[in-house]
């Protein structure tokens, strides 16, 4: 695996494990709109790599991991920018630590969509929940 957007800095290499997500839609039911069963099954089977998010402009399917990379590129940030300072300090002291993080991503109508119980619908917000393991470089 090569270098990935925002997954390392001068002090750490970050390993991400996706543990969940919560979303709102540009739809009258908003957060009460349920996901299509196939989306739930795919995410439960392969949280990192299930291609359940669709970029509307290109029709390209994204996984949770790819959407996190997209978010980091769009915001020009790294994982370190989204972690509490205490986790970075502990990782520096111990060489490795884990922290749970929620990445809030907002979408304009027409940006990304998902299959729901009422067909394909545009995402409004997505909260990607992840466990991030910090590995100190040279540690």
Protein backbone atom coordinates (compact mmCIF):
# COMPACT_ATOMS: atom_id res chain seq x y z
CA UNK A 1 0.00 0.00 0.00
CA UNK A 2 1.46 3.32 -1.05
CA UNK A 3 1.16 6.77 0.45
CA UNK A 4 -2.45 7.89 0.75
CA UNK A 5 -3.87 11.36 1.08
CA UNK A 6 -3.69 12.67 4.62
CA UNK A 7 -2.78 9.30 6.14
CA UNK A 8 0.62 10.35 7.47
CA UNK A 9 2.64 13.33 8.60
CA UNK A 10 6.20 13.89 9.76
CA UNK A 11 5.48 12.26 13.15
CA UNK A 12 2.93 9.50 12.52
CA UNK A 13 1.44 7.00 10.11
CA UNK A 14 -2.32 6.64 10.64
CA UNK A 15 -4.30 3.44 10.23
CA UNK A 16 -8.08 3.81 9.86
CA UNK A 17 -10.76 1.25 10.68
CA UNK A 18 -14.31 2.31 9.77
CA UNK A 19 -16.80 1.40 12.48
CA UNK A 20 -20.00 3.15 11.49
CA UNK A 21 -21.77 6.01 9.81
CA UNK A 22 -24.77 8.27 10.22
CA UNK A 23 -26.27 10.35 7.44
CA UNK A 24 -28.86 12.94 6.53
CA UNK A 25 -30.37 13.37 3.07
CA UNK A 26 -31.65 16.22 0.91
CA UNK A 27 -35.10 14.59 1.17
CA UNK A 28 -38.30 15.36 3.14
CA UNK A 29 -37.69 12.32 5.40
CA UNK A 30 -34.09 13.50 5.99
CA UNK A 31 -32.52 11.27 8.67
CA UNK A 32 -35.62 9.07 8.92
CA UNK A 33 -34.96 7.80 5.39
CA UNK A 34 -33.68 4.23 5.64
CA UNK A 35 -30.89 2.80 3.51
CA UNK A 36 -31.54 0.15 0.89
CA UNK A 37 -30.91 -3.32 2.37
CA UNK A 38 -28.12 -3.97 -0.16
CA UNK A 39 -26.22 -0.90 1.12
CA UNK A 40 -26.46 -2.07 4.74
CA UNK A 41 -25.38 -5.60 3.79
CA UNK A 42 -22.42 -4.34 1.75
CA UNK A 43 -21.20 -2.04 4.54
CA UNK A 44 -21.55 -4.75 7.19
CA UNK A 45 -19.65 -7.22 5.00
CA UNK A 46 -16.79 -4.93 4.03
CA UNK A 47 -16.79 -1.62 5.93
CA UNK A 48 -13.60 -0.24 4.38
CA UNK A 49 -14.24 -1.16 0.75
CA UNK A 50 -18.00 -1.43 0.08
CA UNK A 51 -18.70 1.03 -2.75
CA UNK A 52 -21.93 2.51 -1.40
CA UNK A 53 -21.49 6.25 -2.07
CA UNK A 54 -22.05 7.55 -5.61
CA UNK A 55 -20.42 10.74 -6.89
CA UNK A 56 -23.27 12.14 -8.97
CA UNK A 57 -21.17 14.10 -11.47
CA UNK A 58 -19.19 11.04 -12.60
CA UNK A 59 -21.30 8.08 -11.48
CA UNK A 60 -18.21 6.78 -9.67
CA UNK A 61 -18.81 4.56 -6.65
CA UNK A 62 -16.80 5.34 -3.52
CA UNK A 63 -16.16 3.26 -0.41
CA UNK A 64 -16.08 4.78 3.09
CA UNK A 65 -12.28 4.73 2.95
CA UNK A 66 -12.21 6.45 -0.46
CA UNK A 67 -14.75 9.04 0.70
CA UNK A 68 -12.52 9.81 3.70
CA UNK A 69 -9.59 10.31 1.31
CA UNK A 70 -11.80 12.58 -0.85
CA UNK A 71 -12.77 14.59 2.25
CA UNK A 72 -9.13 15.01 3.31
CA UNK A 73 -8.17 16.17 -0.19
CA UNK A 74 -11.13 18.58 -0.46
CA UNK A 75 -10.40 20.13 2.94
CA UNK A 76 -6.62 20.04 2.42
CA UNK A 77 -6.21 18.39 5.82
CA UNK A 78 -4.60 15.28 7.22
CA UNK A 79 -5.96 12.87 9.79
CA UNK A 80 -3.78 14.60 12.39
CA UNK A 81 -5.80 17.80 11.90
CA UNK A 82 -8.95 15.98 13.04
CA UNK A 83 -7.52 14.21 16.10
CA UNK A 84 -7.52 15.49 19.68
CA UNK A 85 -4.16 16.88 20.81
CA UNK A 86 -4.16 14.39 23.70
CA UNK A 87 -4.10 11.46 21.27
CA UNK A 88 -1.16 12.97 19.39
CA UNK A 89 0.69 13.57 22.68
CA UNK A 90 0.02 10.00 23.89
CA UNK A 91 1.10 8.55 20.54
CA UNK A 92 4.33 10.56 20.73
CA UNK A 93 5.01 9.25 24.25
CA UNK A 94 4.03 5.60 23.80
CA UNK A 95 4.79 5.03 20.10
CA UNK A 96 1.25 3.92 19.31
CA UNK A 97 -2.26 4.76 20.46
CA UNK A 98 -5.85 4.55 19.26
CA UNK A 99 -8.59 7.15 19.21
CA UNK A 100 -12.21 7.13 18.04
CA UNK A 101 -13.08 9.97 15.66
CA UNK A 102 -16.15 11.16 13.78
CA UNK A 103 -15.52 12.93 10.48
CA UNK A 104 -18.45 15.26 9.63
CA UNK A 105 -18.79 15.72 5.86
CA UNK A 106 -21.33 18.10 4.29
CA UNK A 107 -22.62 17.82 0.73
CA UNK A 108 -24.36 20.20 -1.62
CA UNK A 109 -27.40 18.79 -3.44
CA UNK A 110 -26.17 16.77 -6.41
CA UNK A 111 -22.78 15.95 -4.82
CA UNK A 112 -22.96 12.38 -3.53
CA UNK A 113 -25.87 9.99 -3.20
CA UNK A 114 -26.77 6.59 -1.72
CA UNK A 115 -29.39 3.96 -2.43
CA UNK A 116 -32.24 4.31 0.07
CA UNK A 117 -35.64 2.73 0.65
CA UNK A 118 -36.97 5.47 -1.67
CA UNK A 119 -34.38 5.06 -4.42
CA UNK A 120 -31.14 6.95 -4.93
CA UNK A 121 -31.07 10.13 -2.81
CA UNK A 122 -28.57 12.95 -2.36
CA UNK A 123 -26.59 13.05 0.87
CA UNK A 124 -26.76 16.20 2.98
CA UNK A 125 -24.36 15.22 5.76
CA UNK A 126 -22.36 12.13 6.53
CA UNK A 127 -20.66 11.31 9.81
CA UNK A 128 -17.98 8.67 9.25
CA UNK A 129 -17.05 7.03 12.53
CA UNK A 130 -13.63 5.46 12.69
CA UNK A 131 -10.98 4.06 15.00
CA UNK A 132 -7.65 5.66 14.13
CA UNK A 133 -4.42 4.02 15.24
CA UNK A 134 -1.41 6.32 15.41
CA UNK A 135 1.96 4.70 14.72
CA UNK A 136 4.92 6.88 15.65
CA UNK A 137 7.48 7.04 12.87
CA UNK A 138 10.64 5.20 13.84
CA UNK A 139 8.87 4.04 17.02
